[in-house]
Amino acid sequence: MSRKVARDTLYKILFASRFYDDLDVKPDFFALLDLANYSKENLEQSDIEYIQTSFNNIMKNVEQLKEQVMAKIDRYSAERIYPADLTALILGVYELNQKDIPPKVVINEIVNLVKKYSTKKSTRFVNGVLGSFVKEKNE
């Protein structure tokens, strides 16, 4: 399986985990993996490790990642951003912070997720936010 498919699965799991916010329950990684319609048998071990490590790191640092996203968005609060877009932005900022994937590749892959799961207008919005994040990091 490719990183693209693993990233898509991670996106779905992160989005599904948002629904645990109102519950007093910690999201279970493998239950969320099942919700994303992938069984462990359909994923290579390296994909599961990437998804699980990234999921755990994002969940541990979600507030900091959200703050980094919101620092680039002056006119909206996090509650006003479409949840699918906010999830994509958090994933994008996380991957950009990892520095193991070129920024252009990260932005392209995140924009492709937004094209698949969000609206046409959202692609420009997400591209712009992630682009400004990269631009600031390069200054």
N, C-alpha and C. Protein backbone atom coordinates (compact mmCIF):
# COMPACT_ATOMS: atom_id res chain seq x y z
N MET A 1 0.84 -1.17 0.00
CA MET A 1 0.00 0.00 0.00
C MET A 1 0.89 1.24 0.00
N SER A 2 0.38 2.30 -0.49
CA SER A 2 1.19 3.51 -0.61
C SER A 2 0.97 4.46 0.56
N ARG A 3 1.86 5.42 0.69
CA ARG A 3 1.72 6.45 1.72
C ARG A 3 0.43 7.24 1.48
N LYS A 4 0.07 7.40 0.21
CA LYS A 4 -1.16 8.14 -0.13
C LYS A 4 -2.39 7.46 0.48
N VAL A 5 -2.47 6.15 0.37
CA VAL A 5 -3.60 5.41 0.94
C VAL A 5 -3.53 5.43 2.46
N ALA A 6 -2.34 5.31 3.01
CA ALA A 6 -2.17 5.37 4.47
C ALA A 6 -2.58 6.75 4.99
N ARG A 7 -2.20 7.82 4.27
CA ARG A 7 -2.57 9.18 4.67
C ARG A 7 -4.09 9.35 4.61
N ASP A 8 -4.71 8.80 3.59
CA ASP A 8 -6.17 8.86 3.45
C ASP A 8 -6.84 8.17 4.64
N THR A 9 -6.32 7.03 5.02
CA THR A 9 -6.85 6.30 6.18
C THR A 9 -6.65 7.11 7.46
N LEU A 10 -5.46 7.69 7.62
CA LEU A 10 -5.18 8.52 8.78
C LEU A 10 -6.15 9.70 8.83
N TYR A 11 -6.41 10.33 7.70
CA TYR A 11 -7.35 11.44 7.64
C TYR A 11 -8.74 11.00 8.14
N LYS A 12 -9.21 9.87 7.64
CA LYS A 12 -10.52 9.37 8.06
C LYS A 12 -10.57 9.09 9.56
N ILE A 13 -9.50 8.52 10.08
CA ILE A 13 -9.44 8.21 11.52
C ILE A 13 -9.42 9.51 12.34
N LEU A 14 -8.64 10.49 11.90
CA LEU A 14 -8.61 11.77 12.61
C LEU A 14 -9.97 12.44 12.58
N PHE A 15 -10.62 12.40 11.44
CA PHE A 15 -11.95 13.01 11.34
C PHE A 15 -12.94 12.30 12.26
N ALA A 16 -12.92 10.98 12.25
CA ALA A 16 -13.83 10.21 13.12
C ALA A 16 -13.55 10.47 14.59
N SER A 17 -12.29 10.69 14.95
CA SER A 17 -11.94 10.92 16.35
C SER A 17 -12.53 12.21 16.89
N ARG A 18 -12.86 13.16 16.00
CA ARG A 18 -13.48 14.42 16.43
C ARG A 18 -14.79 14.17 17.16
N PHE A 19 -15.47 13.10 16.84
CA PHE A 19 -16.76 12.81 17.43
C PHE A 19 -16.65 12.28 18.86
N TYR A 20 -15.43 12.01 19.29
CA TYR A 20 -15.19 11.57 20.67
C TYR A 20 -15.03 12.75 21.61
N ASP A 21 -14.90 13.96 21.05
CA ASP A 21 -14.68 15.15 21.88
C ASP A 21 -15.75 15.34 22.94
N ASP A 22 -17.00 15.06 22.59
CA ASP A 22 -18.10 15.28 23.53
C ASP A 22 -18.31 14.09 24.48
N LEU A 23 -17.61 13.02 24.23
CA LEU A 23 -17.74 11.83 25.08
C LEU A 23 -16.60 11.81 26.10
N ASP A 24 -16.79 11.05 27.12
CA ASP A 24 -15.74 10.90 28.12
C ASP A 24 -14.94 9.63 27.86
N VAL A 25 -14.67 9.38 26.57
CA VAL A 25 -14.01 8.15 26.15
C VAL A 25 -12.84 8.52 25.24
N LYS A 26 -11.72 7.88 25.44
CA LYS A 26 -10.57 8.08 24.57
C LYS A 26 -10.76 7.24 23.31
N PRO A 27 -10.54 7.84 22.13
CA PRO A 27 -10.72 7.06 20.90
C PRO A 27 -9.76 5.88 20.83
N ASP A 28 -10.27 4.75 20.43
CA ASP A 28 -9.47 3.54 20.26
C ASP A 28 -8.97 3.47 18.82
N PHE A 29 -7.66 3.43 18.65
CA PHE A 29 -7.07 3.46 17.32
C PHE A 29 -7.63 2.36 16.41
N PHE A 30 -7.65 1.11 16.88
CA PHE A 30 -8.06 0.02 16.00
C PHE A 30 -9.56 0.03 15.72
N ALA A 31 -10.35 0.55 16.65
CA ALA A 31 -11.78 0.71 16.38
C ALA A 31 -11.98 1.76 15.28
N LEU A 32 -11.20 2.84 15.36
CA LEU A 32 -11.28 3.87 14.32
C LEU A 32 -10.76 3.34 12.99
N LEU A 33 -9.75 2.51 13.03
CA LEU A 33 -9.22 1.91 11.81
C LEU A 33 -10.31 1.07 11.13
N ASP A 34 -11.07 0.34 11.94
CA ASP A 34 -12.18 -0.44 11.40
C ASP A 34 -13.25 0.47 10.81
N LEU A 35 -13.52 1.60 11.46
CA LEU A 35 -14.50 2.55 10.94
C LEU A 35 -14.07 3.11 9.60
N ALA A 36 -12.77 3.24 9.39
CA ALA A 36 -12.24 3.77 8.13
C ALA A 36 -12.30 2.71 7.03
N ASN A 37 -12.89 1.56 7.33
CA ASN A 37 -13.08 0.47 6.38
C ASN A 37 -11.79 -0.20 5.94
N TYR A 38 -10.81 -0.19 6.81
CA TYR A 38 -9.57 -0.91 6.55
C TYR A 38 -9.33 -1.87 7.70
N SER A 39 -9.09 -3.10 7.34
CA SER A 39 -8.72 -4.04 8.39
C SER A 39 -7.20 -4.15 8.41
N LYS A 40 -6.71 -4.66 9.49
CA LYS A 40 -5.27 -4.80 9.61
C LYS A 40 -4.70 -5.69 8.51
N GLU A 41 -5.53 -6.60 7.99
CA GLU A 41 -5.05 -7.50 6.94
C GLU A 41 -4.84 -6.77 5.61
N ASN A 42 -5.52 -5.63 5.41
CA ASN A 42 -5.40 -4.89 4.15
C ASN A 42 -4.27 -3.88 4.16
N LEU A 43 -3.63 -3.71 5.27
CA LEU A 43 -2.55 -2.73 5.40
C LEU A 43 -1.24 -3.45 5.68
N GLU A 44 -0.19 -2.91 5.09
CA GLU A 44 1.13 -3.43 5.42
C GLU A 44 1.51 -2.94 6.82
N GLN A 45 2.40 -3.65 7.46
CA GLN A 45 2.82 -3.28 8.82
C GLN A 45 3.38 -1.86 8.87
N SER A 46 4.15 -1.49 7.85
CA SER A 46 4.72 -0.13 7.84
C SER A 46 3.62 0.93 7.74
N ASP A 47 2.54 0.62 7.03
CA ASP A 47 1.41 1.56 6.93
C ASP A 47 0.72 1.71 8.28
N ILE A 48 0.49 0.60 8.95
CA ILE A 48 -0.16 0.64 10.26
C ILE A 48 0.71 1.42 11.24
N GLU A 49 2.01 1.21 11.20
CA GLU A 49 2.92 1.93 12.09
C GLU A 49 2.88 3.43 11.80
N TYR A 50 2.92 3.80 10.52
CA TYR A 50 2.84 5.22 10.15
C TYR A 50 1.52 5.83 10.64
N ILE A 51 0.42 5.14 10.38
CA ILE A 51 -0.90 5.66 10.77
C ILE A 51 -1.00 5.77 12.28
N GLN A 52 -0.61 4.72 12.98
CA GLN A 52 -0.74 4.72 14.44
C GLN A 52 0.18 5.75 15.10
N THR A 53 1.43 5.82 14.66
CA THR A 53 2.36 6.80 15.23
C THR A 53 1.88 8.21 14.97
N SER A 54 1.47 8.48 13.73
CA SER A 54 0.98 9.81 13.39
C SER A 54 -0.29 10.14 14.17
N PHE A 55 -1.21 9.21 14.25
CA PHE A 55 -2.46 9.43 14.99
C PHE A 55 -2.16 9.76 16.44
N ASN A 56 -1.32 8.97 17.07
CA ASN A 56 -0.99 9.20 18.49
C ASN A 56 -0.31 10.56 18.69
N ASN A 57 0.62 10.90 17.81
CA ASN A 57 1.32 12.18 17.92
C ASN A 57 0.38 13.36 17.70
N ILE A 58 -0.50 13.23 16.73
CA ILE A 58 -1.46 14.30 16.46
C ILE A 58 -2.41 14.46 17.62
N MET A 59 -2.93 13.36 18.14
CA MET A 59 -3.89 13.45 19.25
C MET A 59 -3.22 14.04 20.49
N LYS A 60 -1.96 13.71 20.70
CA LYS A 60 -1.22 14.22 21.86
C LYS A 60 -0.98 15.73 21.73
N ASN A 61 -0.83 16.21 20.50
CA ASN A 61 -0.48 17.61 20.25
C ASN A 61 -1.55 18.37 19.48
N VAL A 62 -2.77 17.89 19.48
CA VAL A 62 -3.82 18.47 18.63
C VAL A 62 -4.06 19.95 18.93
N GLU A 63 -4.00 20.35 20.18
CA GLU A 63 -4.24 21.76 20.51
C GLU A 63 -3.12 22.65 19.97
N GLN A 64 -1.88 22.20 20.08
CA GLN A 64 -0.75 22.97 19.53
C GLN A 64 -0.84 23.05 18.01
N LEU A 65 -1.20 21.95 17.37
CA LEU A 65 -1.33 21.93 15.91
C LEU A 65 -2.46 22.86 15.47
N LYS A 66 -3.56 22.81 16.23
CA LYS A 66 -4.69 23.69 15.92
C LYS A 66 -4.30 25.15 16.07
N GLU A 67 -3.51 25.47 17.09
CA GLU A 67 -3.02 26.84 17.28
C GLU A 67 -2.14 27.28 16.11
N GLN A 68 -1.30 26.37 15.62
CA GLN A 68 -0.47 26.71 14.46
C GLN A 68 -1.32 26.98 13.23
N VAL A 69 -2.38 26.21 13.06
CA VAL A 69 -3.31 26.43 11.95
C VAL A 69 -4.00 27.78 12.11
N MET A 70 -4.53 28.03 13.30
CA MET A 70 -5.32 29.24 13.53
C MET A 70 -4.47 30.50 13.46
N ALA A 71 -3.17 30.38 13.68
CA ALA A 71 -2.28 31.54 13.56
C ALA A 71 -2.24 32.05 12.12
N LYS A 72 -2.61 31.22 11.17
CA LYS A 72 -2.63 31.60 9.75
C LYS A 72 -4.00 32.05 9.28
N ILE A 73 -4.99 31.95 10.15
CA ILE A 73 -6.37 32.28 9.77
C ILE A 73 -6.86 33.40 10.68
N ASP A 74 -6.87 34.61 10.17
CA ASP A 74 -7.24 35.76 10.98
C ASP A 74 -8.75 35.90 11.18
N ARG A 75 -9.50 35.59 10.19
CA ARG A 75 -10.92 35.96 10.20
C ARG A 75 -11.88 34.91 10.74
N TYR A 76 -11.40 33.75 11.10
CA TYR A 76 -12.29 32.69 11.56
C TYR A 76 -11.81 32.12 12.89
N SER A 77 -12.75 31.59 13.64
CA SER A 77 -12.40 30.78 14.81
C SER A 77 -12.38 29.33 14.34
N ALA A 78 -11.78 28.47 15.11
CA ALA A 78 -11.70 27.05 14.74
C ALA A 78 -13.10 26.44 14.59
N GLU A 79 -14.05 26.93 15.36
CA GLU A 79 -15.41 26.39 15.31
C GLU A 79 -16.10 26.73 13.99
N ARG A 80 -15.66 27.78 13.31
CA ARG A 80 -16.28 28.19 12.05
C ARG A 80 -15.71 27.49 10.85
N ILE A 81 -14.58 26.83 11.01
CA ILE A 81 -13.97 26.12 9.88
C ILE A 81 -14.65 24.77 9.72
N TYR A 82 -14.96 24.46 8.48
CA TYR A 82 -15.58 23.17 8.17
C TYR A 82 -14.72 22.05 8.76
N PRO A 83 -15.30 21.15 9.54
CA PRO A 83 -14.50 20.12 10.23
C PRO A 83 -13.59 19.30 9.31
N ALA A 84 -14.05 19.01 8.11
CA ALA A 84 -13.21 18.25 7.18
C ALA A 84 -11.96 19.05 6.81
N ASP A 85 -12.13 20.36 6.66
CA ASP A 85 -10.99 21.22 6.32
C ASP A 85 -10.04 21.36 7.50
N LEU A 86 -10.59 21.54 8.69
CA LEU A 86 -9.74 21.68 9.88
C LEU A 86 -8.93 20.40 10.11
N THR A 87 -9.55 19.26 9.91
CA THR A 87 -8.84 17.98 10.04
C THR A 87 -7.69 17.91 9.03
N ALA A 88 -7.96 18.31 7.80
CA ALA A 88 -6.91 18.30 6.77
C ALA A 88 -5.79 19.26 7.12
N LEU A 89 -6.13 20.44 7.63
CA LEU A 89 -5.12 21.42 7.99
C LEU A 89 -4.25 20.92 9.15
N ILE A 90 -4.87 20.30 10.14
CA ILE A 90 -4.10 19.77 11.27
C ILE A 90 -3.15 18.68 10.78
N LEU A 91 -3.64 17.78 9.93
CA LEU A 91 -2.79 16.74 9.37
C LEU A 91 -1.66 17.35 8.54
N GLY A 92 -1.99 18.35 7.74
CA GLY A 92 -0.97 19.01 6.92
C GLY A 92 0.11 19.67 7.75
N VAL A 93 -0.29 20.42 8.77
CA VAL A 93 0.70 21.08 9.63
C VAL A 93 1.56 20.05 10.34
N TYR A 94 0.94 18.97 10.80
CA TYR A 94 1.71 17.90 11.45
C TYR A 94 2.78 17.36 10.49
N GLU A 95 2.37 17.03 9.26
CA GLU A 95 3.33 16.46 8.31
C GLU A 95 4.40 17.48 7.91
N LEU A 96 4.02 18.74 7.78
CA LEU A 96 5.02 19.77 7.46
C LEU A 96 6.03 19.92 8.59
N ASN A 97 5.59 19.77 9.82
CA ASN A 97 6.50 19.86 10.97
C ASN A 97 7.46 18.67 11.02
N GLN A 98 7.08 17.54 10.43
CA GLN A 98 7.94 16.35 10.47
C GLN A 98 9.16 16.49 9.58
N LYS A 99 9.05 17.25 8.51
CA LYS A 99 10.16 17.58 7.61
C LYS A 99 10.75 16.38 6.87
N ASP A 100 10.06 15.23 6.86
CA ASP A 100 10.60 14.08 6.12
C ASP A 100 9.98 13.96 4.73
N ILE A 101 9.01 14.82 4.44
CA ILE A 101 8.37 14.85 3.13
C ILE A 101 8.49 16.28 2.61
N PRO A 102 8.85 16.48 1.36
CA PRO A 102 8.95 17.84 0.83
C PRO A 102 7.62 18.59 0.99
N PRO A 103 7.68 19.87 1.37
CA PRO A 103 6.46 20.65 1.61
C PRO A 103 5.48 20.65 0.43
N LYS A 104 6.00 20.73 -0.79
CA LYS A 104 5.10 20.74 -1.96
C LYS A 104 4.31 19.44 -2.05
N VAL A 105 4.94 18.33 -1.70
CA VAL A 105 4.27 17.03 -1.73
C VAL A 105 3.19 16.98 -0.66
N VAL A 106 3.51 17.44 0.55
CA VAL A 106 2.54 17.45 1.64
C VAL A 106 1.32 18.28 1.24
N ILE A 107 1.58 19.50 0.76
CA ILE A 107 0.45 20.37 0.40
C ILE A 107 -0.38 19.74 -0.70
N ASN A 108 0.26 19.18 -1.72
CA ASN A 108 -0.47 18.54 -2.80
C ASN A 108 -1.33 17.39 -2.30
N GLU A 109 -0.78 16.55 -1.44
CA GLU A 109 -1.53 15.40 -0.93
C GLU A 109 -2.70 15.84 -0.04
N ILE A 110 -2.48 16.87 0.77
CA ILE A 110 -3.56 17.36 1.63
C ILE A 110 -4.66 18.00 0.78
N VAL A 111 -4.28 18.77 -0.22
CA VAL A 111 -5.27 19.37 -1.12
C VAL A 111 -6.06 18.27 -1.84
N ASN A 112 -5.41 17.19 -2.23
CA ASN A 112 -6.13 16.08 -2.86
C ASN A 112 -7.14 15.45 -1.90
N LEU A 113 -6.79 15.35 -0.62
CA LEU A 113 -7.76 14.85 0.36
C LEU A 113 -8.96 15.79 0.46
N VAL A 114 -8.68 17.08 0.45
CA VAL A 114 -9.77 18.07 0.53
C VAL A 114 -10.65 17.99 -0.71
N LYS A 115 -10.04 17.80 -1.88
CA LYS A 115 -10.83 17.63 -3.11
C LYS A 115 -11.76 16.44 -2.99
N LYS A 116 -11.27 15.40 -2.35
CA LYS A 116 -12.04 14.16 -2.23
C LYS A 116 -13.15 14.26 -1.17
N TYR A 117 -12.87 14.94 -0.05
CA TYR A 117 -13.79 14.90 1.09
C TYR A 117 -14.45 16.23 1.45
N SER A 118 -14.12 17.30 0.73
CA SER A 118 -14.68 18.59 1.10
C SER A 118 -15.25 19.28 -0.14
N THR A 119 -15.21 20.60 -0.15
CA THR A 119 -15.81 21.38 -1.24
C THR A 119 -14.72 21.94 -2.15
N LYS A 120 -15.13 22.40 -3.34
CA LYS A 120 -14.17 22.98 -4.28
C LYS A 120 -13.52 24.24 -3.71
N LYS A 121 -14.30 25.07 -3.03
CA LYS A 121 -13.75 26.28 -2.43
C LYS A 121 -12.73 25.95 -1.35
N SER A 122 -12.91 24.84 -0.70
CA SER A 122 -12.01 24.45 0.39
C SER A 122 -10.60 24.19 -0.09
N THR A 123 -10.45 23.72 -1.33
CA THR A 123 -9.10 23.40 -1.81
C THR A 123 -8.23 24.66 -1.84
N ARG A 124 -8.78 25.77 -2.30
CA ARG A 124 -8.01 27.02 -2.33
C ARG A 124 -7.69 27.50 -0.92
N PHE A 125 -8.66 27.38 -0.03
CA PHE A 125 -8.48 27.80 1.35
C PHE A 125 -7.36 27.00 2.02
N VAL A 126 -7.44 25.68 1.94
CA VAL A 126 -6.44 24.81 2.57
C VAL A 126 -5.07 25.02 1.93
N ASN A 127 -5.03 25.11 0.61
CA ASN A 127 -3.77 25.36 -0.08
C ASN A 127 -3.14 26.67 0.40
N GLY A 128 -3.94 27.71 0.54
CA GLY A 128 -3.43 29.01 0.98
C GLY A 128 -2.91 28.98 2.41
N VAL A 129 -3.65 28.33 3.30
CA VAL A 129 -3.22 28.25 4.70
C VAL A 129 -1.92 27.48 4.83
N LEU A 130 -1.84 26.32 4.19
CA LEU A 130 -0.61 25.52 4.27
C LEU A 130 0.55 26.22 3.57
N GLY A 131 0.26 26.89 2.46
CA GLY A 131 1.30 27.65 1.77
C GLY A 131 1.88 28.76 2.63
N SER A 132 1.01 29.46 3.37
CA SER A 132 1.51 30.53 4.24
C SER A 132 2.29 29.96 5.43
N PHE A 133 1.92 28.77 5.87
CA PHE A 133 2.66 28.09 6.94
C PHE A 133 4.08 27.78 6.47
N VAL A 134 4.19 27.23 5.26
CA VAL A 134 5.50 26.89 4.70
C VAL A 134 6.33 28.15 4.46
N LYS A 135 5.69 29.18 3.91
CA LYS A 135 6.39 30.43 3.64
C LYS A 135 6.99 31.02 4.92
N GLU A 136 6.21 31.01 6.01
CA GLU A 136 6.72 31.53 7.28
C GLU A 136 7.88 30.70 7.81
N LYS A 137 7.79 29.39 7.66
CA LYS A 137 8.86 28.51 8.15
C LYS A 137 10.17 28.73 7.37
N ASN A 138 10.03 29.11 6.10
CA ASN A 138 11.21 29.32 5.26
C ASN A 138 11.85 30.69 5.45
N GLU A 139 11.16 31.59 6.12
CA GLU A 139 11.72 32.94 6.33
C GLU A 139 12.71 32.98 7.46
